[in-house]
PDB file of N, CA and C in Angstrom:
ATOM      1  N   UNK A   1       9.530  -7.016 -22.856  1.00  0.00           N
ATOM      2  CA  UNK A   1       8.382  -7.721 -22.285  1.00  0.00           C
ATOM      3  C   UNK A   1       8.160  -8.990 -23.083  1.00  0.00           C
ATOM      4  N   UNK A   2       7.922 -10.082 -22.409  1.00  0.00           N
ATOM      5  CA  UNK A   2       7.688 -11.353 -23.076  1.00  0.00           C
ATOM      6  C   UNK A   2       6.278 -11.347 -23.657  1.00  0.00           C
ATOM      7  N   UNK A   3       6.173 -11.065 -24.944  1.00  0.00           N
ATOM      8  CA  UNK A   3       4.896 -10.933 -25.637  1.00  0.00           C
ATOM      9  C   UNK A   3       4.123 -12.243 -25.692  1.00  0.00           C
ATOM     10  N   UNK A   4       4.789 -13.371 -25.457  1.00  0.00           N
ATOM     11  CA  UNK A   4       4.113 -14.663 -25.525  1.00  0.00           C
ATOM     12  C   UNK A   4       3.147 -14.883 -24.369  1.00  0.00           C
ATOM     13  N   UNK A   5       3.427 -14.317 -23.206  1.00  0.00           N
ATOM     14  CA  UNK A   5       2.639 -14.632 -22.020  1.00  0.00           C
ATOM     15  C   UNK A   5       2.000 -13.442 -21.324  1.00  0.00           C
ATOM     16  N   UNK A   6       2.638 -12.290 -21.350  1.00  0.00           N
ATOM     17  CA  UNK A   6       2.146 -11.127 -20.605  1.00  0.00           C
ATOM     18  C   UNK A   6       2.116  -9.910 -21.515  1.00  0.00           C
ATOM     19  N   UNK A   7       1.047  -9.140 -21.377  1.00  0.00           N
ATOM     20  CA  UNK A   7       0.941  -7.887 -22.118  1.00  0.00           C
ATOM     21  C   UNK A   7       0.425  -6.807 -21.183  1.00  0.00           C
ATOM     22  N   UNK A   8       0.688  -5.568 -21.560  1.00  0.00           N
ATOM     23  CA  UNK A   8       0.215  -4.457 -20.751  1.00  0.00           C
ATOM     24  C   UNK A   8      -1.035  -3.893 -21.406  1.00  0.00           C
ATOM     25  N   UNK A   9      -2.115  -3.814 -20.613  1.00  0.00           N
ATOM     26  CA  UNK A   9      -3.399  -3.262 -21.056  1.00  0.00           C
ATOM     27  C   UNK A   9      -3.947  -2.395 -19.943  1.00  0.00           C
ATOM     28  N   UNK A  10      -4.540  -1.291 -20.298  1.00  0.00           N
ATOM     29  CA  UNK A  10      -5.195  -0.438 -19.305  1.00  0.00           C
ATOM     30  C   UNK A  10      -4.301  -0.164 -18.096  1.00  0.00           C
ATOM     31  N   UNK A  11      -3.035   0.113 -18.366  1.00  0.00           N
ATOM     32  CA  UNK A  11      -2.060   0.456 -17.328  1.00  0.00           C
ATOM     33  C   UNK A  11      -1.814  -0.674 -16.331  1.00  0.00           C
ATOM     34  N   UNK A  12      -2.051  -1.921 -16.742  1.00  0.00           N
ATOM     35  CA  UNK A  12      -1.808  -3.063 -15.885  1.00  0.00           C
ATOM     36  C   UNK A  12      -1.347  -4.229 -16.748  1.00  0.00           C
ATOM     37  N   UNK A  13      -0.903  -5.303 -16.107  1.00  0.00           N
ATOM     38  CA  UNK A  13      -0.420  -6.477 -16.828  1.00  0.00           C
ATOM     39  C   UNK A  13      -1.472  -7.581 -16.818  1.00  0.00           C
ATOM     40  N   UNK A  14      -1.621  -8.241 -17.976  1.00  0.00           N
ATOM     41  CA  UNK A  14      -2.564  -9.344 -18.130  1.00  0.00           C
ATOM     42  C   UNK A  14      -1.886 -10.475 -18.886  1.00  0.00           C
ATOM     43  N   UNK A  15      -2.399 -11.677 -18.694  1.00  0.00           N
ATOM     44  CA  UNK A  15      -1.910 -12.790 -19.484  1.00  0.00           C
ATOM     45  C   UNK A  15      -2.494 -12.663 -20.881  1.00  0.00           C
ATOM     46  N   UNK A  16      -1.657 -12.841 -21.882  1.00  0.00           N
ATOM     47  CA  UNK A  16      -2.052 -12.670 -23.273  1.00  0.00           C
ATOM     48  C   UNK A  16      -3.233 -13.585 -23.589  1.00  0.00           C
ATOM     49  N   UNK A  17      -4.222 -13.025 -24.281  1.00  0.00           N
ATOM     50  CA  UNK A  17      -5.371 -13.806 -24.715  1.00  0.00           C
ATOM     51  C   UNK A  17      -6.343 -14.150 -23.609  1.00  0.00           C
ATOM     52  N   UNK A  18      -6.245 -13.462 -22.474  1.00  0.00           N
ATOM     53  CA  UNK A  18      -7.152 -13.751 -21.370  1.00  0.00           C
ATOM     54  C   UNK A  18      -7.521 -12.461 -20.649  1.00  0.00           C
ATOM     55  N   UNK A  19      -8.455 -12.599 -19.729  1.00  0.00           N
ATOM     56  CA  UNK A  19      -8.818 -11.473 -18.867  1.00  0.00           C
ATOM     57  C   UNK A  19      -8.179 -11.612 -17.499  1.00  0.00           C
ATOM     58  N   UNK A  20      -7.253 -12.542 -17.357  1.00  0.00           N
ATOM     59  CA  UNK A  20      -6.611 -12.807 -16.063  1.00  0.00           C
ATOM     60  C   UNK A  20      -5.479 -11.801 -15.844  1.00  0.00           C
ATOM     61  N   UNK A  21      -5.575 -11.001 -14.778  1.00  0.00           N
ATOM     62  CA  UNK A  21      -4.479 -10.086 -14.478  1.00  0.00           C
ATOM     63  C   UNK A  21      -3.271 -10.846 -13.940  1.00  0.00           C
ATOM     64  N   UNK A  22      -2.106 -10.397 -14.325  1.00  0.00           N
ATOM     65  CA  UNK A  22      -0.874 -10.991 -13.816  1.00  0.00           C
ATOM     66  C   UNK A  22      -0.856 -10.943 -12.296  1.00  0.00           C
ATOM     67  N   UNK A  23      -1.418  -9.902 -11.722  1.00  0.00           N
ATOM     68  CA  UNK A  23      -1.446  -9.748 -10.265  1.00  0.00           C
ATOM     69  C   UNK A  23      -2.076 -10.957  -9.588  1.00  0.00           C
ATOM     70  N   UNK A  24      -3.089 -11.544 -10.185  1.00  0.00           N
ATOM     71  CA  UNK A  24      -3.752 -12.704  -9.591  1.00  0.00           C
ATOM     72  C   UNK A  24      -2.810 -13.898  -9.509  1.00  0.00           C
ATOM     73  N   UNK A  25      -2.032 -14.094 -10.555  1.00  0.00           N
ATOM     74  CA  UNK A  25      -1.077 -15.200 -10.581  1.00  0.00           C
ATOM     75  C   UNK A  25       0.045 -14.940  -9.574  1.00  0.00           C
ATOM     76  N   UNK A  26       0.541 -13.720  -9.560  1.00  0.00           N
ATOM     77  CA  UNK A  26       1.652 -13.364  -8.670  1.00  0.00           C
ATOM     78  C   UNK A  26       1.251 -13.498  -7.211  1.00  0.00           C
ATOM     79  N   UNK A  27       0.050 -13.069  -6.859  1.00  0.00           N
ATOM     80  CA  UNK A  27      -0.397 -13.195  -5.461  1.00  0.00           C
ATOM     81  C   UNK A  27      -0.408 -14.656  -5.027  1.00  0.00           C
ATOM     82  N   UNK A  28      -0.909 -15.531  -5.882  1.00  0.00           N
ATOM     83  CA  UNK A  28      -0.933 -16.958  -5.558  1.00  0.00           C
ATOM     84  C   UNK A  28       0.499 -17.492  -5.407  1.00  0.00           C
ATOM     85  N   UNK A  29       1.374 -17.091  -6.312  1.00  0.00           N
ATOM     86  CA  UNK A  29       2.773 -17.506  -6.265  1.00  0.00           C
ATOM     87  C   UNK A  29       3.434 -17.012  -4.981  1.00  0.00           C
ATOM     88  N   UNK A  30       3.182 -15.766  -4.612  1.00  0.00           N
ATOM     89  CA  UNK A  30       3.754 -15.202  -3.387  1.00  0.00           C
ATOM     90  C   UNK A  30       3.203 -15.886  -2.139  1.00  0.00           C
ATOM     91  N   UNK A  31       2.006 -16.437  -2.243  1.00  0.00           N
ATOM     92  CA  UNK A  31       1.398 -17.160  -1.119  1.00  0.00           C
ATOM     93  C   UNK A  31       1.860 -18.618  -1.057  1.00  0.00           C
ATOM     94  N   UNK A  32       2.823 -18.983  -1.898  1.00  0.00           N
ATOM     95  CA  UNK A  32       3.415 -20.309  -1.831  1.00  0.00           C
ATOM     96  C   UNK A  32       2.740 -21.372  -2.678  1.00  0.00           C
ATOM     97  N   UNK A  33       1.804 -20.965  -3.532  1.00  0.00           N
ATOM     98  CA  UNK A  33       1.119 -21.940  -4.378  1.00  0.00           C
ATOM     99  C   UNK A  33       2.031 -22.376  -5.522  1.00  0.00           C
ATOM    100  N   UNK A  34       1.958 -23.640  -5.866  1.00  0.00           N
ATOM    101  CA  UNK A  34       2.750 -24.167  -6.987  1.00  0.00           C
ATOM    102  C   UNK A  34       2.092 -23.751  -8.299  1.00  0.00           C
ATOM    103  N   UNK A  35       2.849 -23.749  -9.388  1.00  0.00           N
ATOM    104  CA  UNK A  35       2.248 -23.438 -10.689  1.00  0.00           C
ATOM    105  C   UNK A  35       1.071 -24.364 -11.016  1.00  0.00           C
ATOM    106  N   UNK A  36       1.179 -25.635 -10.637  1.00  0.00           N
ATOM    107  CA  UNK A  36       0.087 -26.578 -10.905  1.00  0.00           C
ATOM    108  C   UNK A  36      -1.169 -26.211 -10.113  1.00  0.00           C
ATOM    109  N   UNK A  37      -0.985 -25.785  -8.877  1.00  0.00           N
ATOM    110  CA  UNK A  37      -2.108 -25.358  -8.048  1.00  0.00           C
ATOM    111  C   UNK A  37      -2.727 -24.068  -8.599  1.00  0.00           C
ATOM    112  N   UNK A  38      -1.881 -23.160  -9.027  1.00  0.00           N
ATOM    113  CA  UNK A  38      -2.367 -21.908  -9.619  1.00  0.00           C
ATOM    114  C   UNK A  38      -3.165 -22.225 -10.869  1.00  0.00           C
ATOM    115  N   UNK A  39      -2.652 -23.126 -11.680  1.00  0.00           N
ATOM    116  CA  UNK A  39      -3.350 -23.531 -12.914  1.00  0.00           C
ATOM    117  C   UNK A  39      -4.737 -24.077 -12.592  1.00  0.00           C
ATOM    118  N   UNK A  40      -4.857 -24.845 -11.517  1.00  0.00           N
ATOM    119  CA  UNK A  40      -6.154 -25.393 -11.111  1.00  0.00           C
ATOM    120  C   UNK A  40      -7.143 -24.293 -10.734  1.00  0.00           C
ATOM    121  N   UNK A  41      -6.632 -23.212 -10.172  1.00  0.00           N
ATOM    122  CA  UNK A  41      -7.496 -22.098  -9.770  1.00  0.00           C
ATOM    123  C   UNK A  41      -7.920 -21.241 -10.953  1.00  0.00           C
ATOM    124  N   UNK A  42      -7.211 -21.347 -12.071  1.00  0.00           N
ATOM    125  CA  UNK A  42      -7.505 -20.572 -13.271  1.00  0.00           C
ATOM    126  C   UNK A  42      -7.617 -21.528 -14.459  1.00  0.00           C
ATOM    127  N   UNK A  43      -8.741 -22.230 -14.569  1.00  0.00           N
ATOM    128  CA  UNK A  43      -8.865 -23.286 -15.584  1.00  0.00           C
ATOM    129  C   UNK A  43      -8.805 -22.810 -17.034  1.00  0.00           C
ATOM    130  N   UNK A  44      -8.938 -21.509 -17.270  1.00  0.00           N
ATOM    131  CA  UNK A  44      -8.831 -21.017 -18.647  1.00  0.00           C
ATOM    132  C   UNK A  44      -7.387 -20.883 -19.097  1.00  0.00           C
ATOM    133  N   UNK A  45      -6.448 -21.032 -18.153  1.00  0.00           N
ATOM    134  CA  UNK A  45      -5.027 -20.898 -18.472  1.00  0.00           C
ATOM    135  C   UNK A  45      -4.382 -22.265 -18.641  1.00  0.00           C
ATOM    136  N   UNK A  46      -3.310 -22.285 -19.411  1.00  0.00           N
ATOM    137  CA  UNK A  46      -2.509 -23.498 -19.518  1.00  0.00           C
ATOM    138  C   UNK A  46      -1.392 -23.422 -18.485  1.00  0.00           C
ATOM    139  N   UNK A  47      -0.799 -24.556 -18.190  1.00  0.00           N
ATOM    140  CA  UNK A  47       0.331 -24.576 -17.263  1.00  0.00           C
ATOM    141  C   UNK A  47       1.490 -23.757 -17.832  1.00  0.00           C
ATOM    142  N   UNK A  48       1.654 -23.794 -19.138  1.00  0.00           N
ATOM    143  CA  UNK A  48       2.701 -23.003 -19.790  1.00  0.00           C
ATOM    144  C   UNK A  48       2.469 -21.511 -19.552  1.00  0.00           C
ATOM    145  N   UNK A  49       1.222 -21.051 -19.630  1.00  0.00           N
ATOM    146  CA  UNK A  49       0.928 -19.642 -19.369  1.00  0.00           C
ATOM    147  C   UNK A  49       1.262 -19.263 -17.930  1.00  0.00           C
ATOM    148  N   UNK A  50       0.950 -20.148 -16.992  1.00  0.00           N
ATOM    149  CA  UNK A  50       1.241 -19.869 -15.586  1.00  0.00           C
ATOM    150  C   UNK A  50       2.745 -19.757 -15.378  1.00  0.00           C
ATOM    151  N   UNK A  51       3.496 -20.714 -15.913  1.00  0.00           N
ATOM    152  CA  UNK A  51       4.962 -20.642 -15.796  1.00  0.00           C
ATOM    153  C   UNK A  51       5.491 -19.388 -16.498  1.00  0.00           C
ATOM    154  N   UNK A  52       4.935 -19.047 -17.651  1.00  0.00           N
ATOM    155  CA  UNK A  52       5.360 -17.838 -18.360  1.00  0.00           C
ATOM    156  C   UNK A  52       5.089 -16.585 -17.547  1.00  0.00           C
ATOM    157  N   UNK A  53       3.944 -16.554 -16.878  1.00  0.00           N
ATOM    158  CA  UNK A  53       3.601 -15.404 -16.035  1.00  0.00           C
ATOM    159  C   UNK A  53       4.566 -15.277 -14.859  1.00  0.00           C
ATOM    160  N   UNK A  54       4.872 -16.407 -14.236  1.00  0.00           N
ATOM    161  CA  UNK A  54       5.813 -16.384 -13.104  1.00  0.00           C
ATOM    162  C   UNK A  54       7.199 -15.956 -13.575  1.00  0.00           C
ATOM    163  N   UNK A  55       7.624 -16.469 -14.715  1.00  0.00           N
ATOM    164  CA  UNK A  55       8.923 -16.092 -15.269  1.00  0.00           C
ATOM    165  C   UNK A  55       8.969 -14.595 -15.561  1.00  0.00           C
ATOM    166  N   UNK A  56       7.888 -14.070 -16.130  1.00  0.00           N
ATOM    167  CA  UNK A  56       7.814 -12.633 -16.403  1.00  0.00           C
ATOM    168  C   UNK A  56       7.931 -11.857 -15.095  1.00  0.00           C
ATOM    169  N   UNK A  57       7.183 -12.284 -14.078  1.00  0.00           N
ATOM    170  CA  UNK A  57       7.243 -11.609 -12.782  1.00  0.00           C
ATOM    171  C   UNK A  57       8.661 -11.597 -12.230  1.00  0.00           C
ATOM    172  N   UNK A  58       9.325 -12.738 -12.258  1.00  0.00           N
ATOM    173  CA  UNK A  58      10.676 -12.823 -11.703  1.00  0.00           C
ATOM    174  C   UNK A  58      11.657 -11.924 -12.453  1.00  0.00           C
ATOM    175  N   UNK A  59      11.416 -11.702 -13.730  1.00  0.00           N
ATOM    176  CA  UNK A  59      12.289 -10.845 -14.529  1.00  0.00           C
ATOM    177  C   UNK A  59      11.930  -9.375 -14.493  1.00  0.00           C
ATOM    178  N   UNK A  60      10.731  -9.046 -13.969  1.00  0.00           N
ATOM    179  CA  UNK A  60      10.247  -7.662 -13.970  1.00  0.00           C
ATOM    180  C   UNK A  60       9.616  -7.300 -12.627  1.00  0.00           C
ATOM    181  N   UNK A  61      10.259  -7.711 -11.557  1.00  0.00           N
ATOM    182  CA  UNK A  61       9.676  -7.542 -10.214  1.00  0.00           C
ATOM    183  C   UNK A  61       9.290  -6.108  -9.891  1.00  0.00           C
ATOM    184  N   UNK A  62      10.154  -5.171 -10.185  1.00  0.00           N
ATOM    185  CA  UNK A  62       9.875  -3.775  -9.818  1.00  0.00           C
ATOM    186  C   UNK A  62       8.589  -3.290 -10.481  1.00  0.00           C
ATOM    187  N   UNK A  63       8.475  -3.493 -11.789  1.00  0.00           N
ATOM    188  CA  UNK A  63       7.273  -3.063 -12.519  1.00  0.00           C
ATOM    189  C   UNK A  63       6.023  -3.763 -11.995  1.00  0.00           C
ATOM    190  N   UNK A  64       6.117  -5.069 -11.793  1.00  0.00           N
ATOM    191  CA  UNK A  64       4.957  -5.838 -11.364  1.00  0.00           C
ATOM    192  C   UNK A  64       4.590  -5.493  -9.928  1.00  0.00           C
ATOM    193  N   UNK A  65       5.573  -5.309  -9.058  1.00  0.00           N
ATOM    194  CA  UNK A  65       5.277  -4.928  -7.677  1.00  0.00           C
ATOM    195  C   UNK A  65       4.596  -3.564  -7.614  1.00  0.00           C
ATOM    196  N   UNK A  66       4.982  -2.645  -8.489  1.00  0.00           N
ATOM    197  CA  UNK A  66       4.307  -1.342  -8.561  1.00  0.00           C
ATOM    198  C   UNK A  66       2.853  -1.529  -8.989  1.00  0.00           C
ATOM    199  N   UNK A  67       2.629  -2.416  -9.950  1.00  0.00           N
ATOM    200  CA  UNK A  67       1.275  -2.713 -10.411  1.00  0.00           C
ATOM    201  C   UNK A  67       0.452  -3.342  -9.282  1.00  0.00           C
ATOM    202  N   UNK A  68       1.055  -4.273  -8.536  1.00  0.00           N
ATOM    203  CA  UNK A  68       0.364  -4.908  -7.413  1.00  0.00           C
ATOM    204  C   UNK A  68      -0.029  -3.868  -6.362  1.00  0.00           C
ATOM    205  N   UNK A  69       0.873  -2.949  -6.067  1.00  0.00           N
ATOM    206  CA  UNK A  69       0.597  -1.911  -5.073  1.00  0.00           C
ATOM    207  C   UNK A  69      -0.544  -1.005  -5.538  1.00  0.00           C
ATOM    208  N   UNK A  70      -0.548  -0.647  -6.809  1.00  0.00           N
ATOM    209  CA  UNK A  70      -1.620   0.195  -7.353  1.00  0.00           C
ATOM    210  C   UNK A  70      -2.960  -0.533  -7.290  1.00  0.00           C
ATOM    211  N   UNK A  71      -2.956  -1.820  -7.637  1.00  0.00           N
ATOM    212  CA  UNK A  71      -4.195  -2.611  -7.558  1.00  0.00           C
ATOM    213  C   UNK A  71      -4.686  -2.713  -6.121  1.00  0.00           C
ATOM    214  N   UNK A  72      -3.772  -2.912  -5.183  1.00  0.00           N
ATOM    215  CA  UNK A  72      -4.154  -3.013  -3.766  1.00  0.00           C
ATOM    216  C   UNK A  72      -4.789  -1.701  -3.289  1.00  0.00           C
ATOM    217  N   UNK A  73      -4.210  -0.574  -3.704  1.00  0.00           N
ATOM    218  CA  UNK A  73      -4.789   0.723  -3.332  1.00  0.00           C
ATOM    219  C   UNK A  73      -6.187   0.876  -3.921  1.00  0.00           C
ATOM    220  N   UNK A  74      -6.363   0.494  -5.179  1.00  0.00           N
ATOM    221  CA  UNK A  74      -7.677   0.586  -5.826  1.00  0.00           C
ATOM    222  C   UNK A  74      -8.700  -0.316  -5.139  1.00  0.00           C
ATOM    223  N   UNK A  75      -8.281  -1.531  -4.804  1.00  0.00           N
ATOM    224  CA  UNK A  75      -9.185  -2.473  -4.134  1.00  0.00           C
ATOM    225  C   UNK A  75      -9.570  -1.976  -2.751  1.00  0.00           C
ATOM    226  N   UNK A  76      -8.615  -1.410  -2.038  1.00  0.00           N
ATOM    227  CA  UNK A  76      -8.884  -0.886  -0.700  1.00  0.00           C
ATOM    228  C   UNK A  76      -9.858   0.291  -0.771  1.00  0.00           C
ATOM    229  N   UNK A  77      -9.648   1.185  -1.726  1.00  0.00           N
ATOM    230  CA  UNK A  77     -10.541   2.332  -1.884  1.00  0.00           C
ATOM    231  C   UNK A  77     -11.951   1.864  -2.233  1.00  0.00           C
ATOM    232  N   UNK A  78     -12.056   0.867  -3.094  1.00  0.00           N
ATOM    233  CA  UNK A  78     -13.360   0.335  -3.469  1.00  0.00           C
ATOM    234  C   UNK A  78     -14.039  -0.303  -2.263  1.00  0.00           C
ATOM    235  N   UNK A  79     -13.282  -1.083  -1.487  1.00  0.00           N
ATOM    236  CA  UNK A  79     -13.840  -1.759  -0.308  1.00  0.00           C
ATOM    237  C   UNK A  79     -14.342  -0.757   0.735  1.00  0.00           C
ATOM    238  N   UNK A  80     -13.647   0.366   0.847  1.00  0.00           N
ATOM    239  CA  UNK A  80     -14.071   1.382   1.802  1.00  0.00           C
ATOM    240  C   UNK A  80     -15.391   2.013   1.399  1.00  0.00           C
ATOM    241  N   UNK A  81     -15.601   2.192   0.108  1.00  0.00           N
ATOM    242  CA  UNK A  81     -16.836   2.817  -0.363  1.00  0.00           C
ATOM    243  C   UNK A  81     -17.938   1.808  -0.641  1.00  0.00           C
ATOM    244  N   UNK A  82     -17.595   0.514  -0.741  1.00  0.00           N
ATOM    245  CA  UNK A  82     -18.571  -0.550  -1.016  1.00  0.00           C
ATOM    246  C   UNK A  82     -18.319  -1.736  -0.087  1.00  0.00           C
ATOM    247  N   UNK A  83     -18.561  -1.583   1.202  1.00  0.00           N
ATOM    248  CA  UNK A  83     -18.250  -2.681   2.133  1.00  0.00           C
ATOM    249  C   UNK A  83     -19.118  -3.905   1.874  1.00  0.00           C
ATOM    250  N   UNK A  84     -18.500  -5.073   1.980  1.00  0.00           N
ATOM    251  CA  UNK A  84     -19.216  -6.340   1.825  1.00  0.00           C
ATOM    252  C   UNK A  84     -19.805  -6.740   3.173  1.00  0.00           C
ATOM    253  N   UNK A  85     -20.946  -7.415   3.148  1.00  0.00           N
ATOM    254  CA  UNK A  85     -21.525  -7.893   4.415  1.00  0.00           C
ATOM    255  C   UNK A  85     -20.563  -8.845   5.120  1.00  0.00           C
ATOM    256  N   UNK A  86     -20.532  -8.802   6.435  1.00  0.00           N
ATOM    257  CA  UNK A  86     -19.593  -9.610   7.223  1.00  0.00           C
ATOM    258  C   UNK A  86     -19.753 -11.095   6.940  1.00  0.00           C
ATOM    259  N   UNK A  87     -20.981 -11.577   6.782  1.00  0.00           N
ATOM    260  CA  UNK A  87     -21.177 -13.001   6.540  1.00  0.00           C
ATOM    261  C   UNK A  87     -20.621 -13.416   5.175  1.00  0.00           C
ATOM    262  N   UNK A  88     -20.690 -12.535   4.198  1.00  0.00           N
ATOM    263  CA  UNK A  88     -20.135 -12.831   2.881  1.00  0.00           C
ATOM    264  C   UNK A  88     -18.614 -12.909   2.960  1.00  0.00           C
ATOM    265  N   UNK A  89     -17.999 -11.995   3.690  1.00  0.00           N
ATOM    266  CA  UNK A  89     -16.544 -12.026   3.858  1.00  0.00           C
ATOM    267  C   UNK A  89     -16.101 -13.332   4.499  1.00  0.00           C
ATOM    268  N   UNK A  90     -16.834 -13.789   5.507  1.00  0.00           N
ATOM    269  CA  UNK A  90     -16.488 -15.043   6.190  1.00  0.00           C
ATOM    270  C   UNK A  90     -16.609 -16.230   5.231  1.00  0.00           C
ATOM    271  N   UNK A  91     -17.654 -16.270   4.430  1.00  0.00           N
ATOM    272  CA  UNK A  91     -17.833 -17.356   3.463  1.00  0.00           C
ATOM    273  C   UNK A  91     -16.706 -17.364   2.435  1.00  0.00           C
ATOM    274  N   UNK A  92     -16.344 -16.193   1.952  1.00  0.00           N
ATOM    275  CA  UNK A  92     -15.266 -16.098   0.965  1.00  0.00           C
ATOM    276  C   UNK A  92     -13.939 -16.546   1.557  1.00  0.00           C
ATOM    277  N   UNK A  93     -13.683 -16.152   2.789  1.00  0.00           N
ATOM    278  CA  UNK A  93     -12.435 -16.552   3.449  1.00  0.00           C
ATOM    279  C   UNK A  93     -12.381 -18.066   3.651  1.00  0.00           C
ATOM    280  N   UNK A  94     -13.497 -18.678   4.043  1.00  0.00           N
ATOM    281  CA  UNK A  94     -13.542 -20.139   4.190  1.00  0.00           C
ATOM    282  C   UNK A  94     -13.295 -20.826   2.853  1.00  0.00           C
ATOM    283  N   UNK A  95     -13.920 -20.331   1.793  1.00  0.00           N
ATOM    284  CA  UNK A  95     -13.736 -20.919   0.467  1.00  0.00           C
ATOM    285  C   UNK A  95     -12.289 -20.770   0.002  1.00  0.00           C
ATOM    286  N   UNK A  96     -11.694 -19.621   0.249  1.00  0.00           N
ATOM    287  CA  UNK A  96     -10.300 -19.384  -0.120  1.00  0.00           C
ATOM    288  C   UNK A  96      -9.383 -20.342   0.638  1.00  0.00           C
ATOM    289  N   UNK A  97      -9.669 -20.525   1.913  1.00  0.00           N
ATOM    290  CA  UNK A  97      -8.863 -21.432   2.736  1.00  0.00           C
ATOM    291  C   UNK A  97      -8.994 -22.878   2.236  1.00  0.00           C
ATOM    292  N   UNK A  98     -10.199 -23.290   1.893  1.00  0.00           N
ATOM    293  CA  UNK A  98     -10.424 -24.643   1.369  1.00  0.00           C
ATOM    294  C   UNK A  98      -9.693 -24.853   0.048  1.00  0.00           C
ATOM    295  N   UNK A  99      -9.717 -23.856  -0.796  1.00  0.00           N
ATOM    296  CA  UNK A  99      -9.039 -23.947  -2.084  1.00  0.00           C
ATOM    297  C   UNK A  99      -7.535 -24.107  -1.894  1.00  0.00           C
ATOM    298  N   UNK A 100      -6.969 -23.354  -0.968  1.00  0.00           N
ATOM    299  CA  UNK A 100      -5.527 -23.402  -0.743  1.00  0.00           C
ATOM    300  C   UNK A 100      -5.077 -24.672  -0.011  1.00  0.00           C
ATOM    301  N   UNK A 101      -6.006 -25.302   0.707  1.00  0.00           N
ATOM    302  CA  UNK A 101      -5.622 -26.506   1.451  1.00  0.00           C
ATOM    303  C   UNK A 101      -5.658 -27.770   0.572  1.00  0.00           C
ATOM    304  N   UNK A 102      -6.120 -27.645  -0.651  1.00  0.00           N
ATOM    305  CA  UNK A 102      -6.190 -28.810  -1.554  1.00  0.00           C
ATOM    306  C   UNK A 102      -4.842 -29.211  -2.053  1.00  0.00           C
TER     307      UNK A 102
END
């Protein structure tokens, strides 16, 4: 494991020295966002950390994909027991779309 950029905590992967889960970076990367765009969305990270996270993902896809699947299951279970109001979901989706269109 590349100790410079990614570490395993609480059965998941995080960027070293931050609370940013690797899953957040990988999802943006999988959605076609450039490292520079990802960096803009996570201002506490450096561009080097973003590239390091992507490099780690590319070298450890199986492990990271398993982590992503586990996180998705946890998020889905939480959403089922704690549904968000429809208007809030619409606002979040619009904001997400605006962020990605920049």
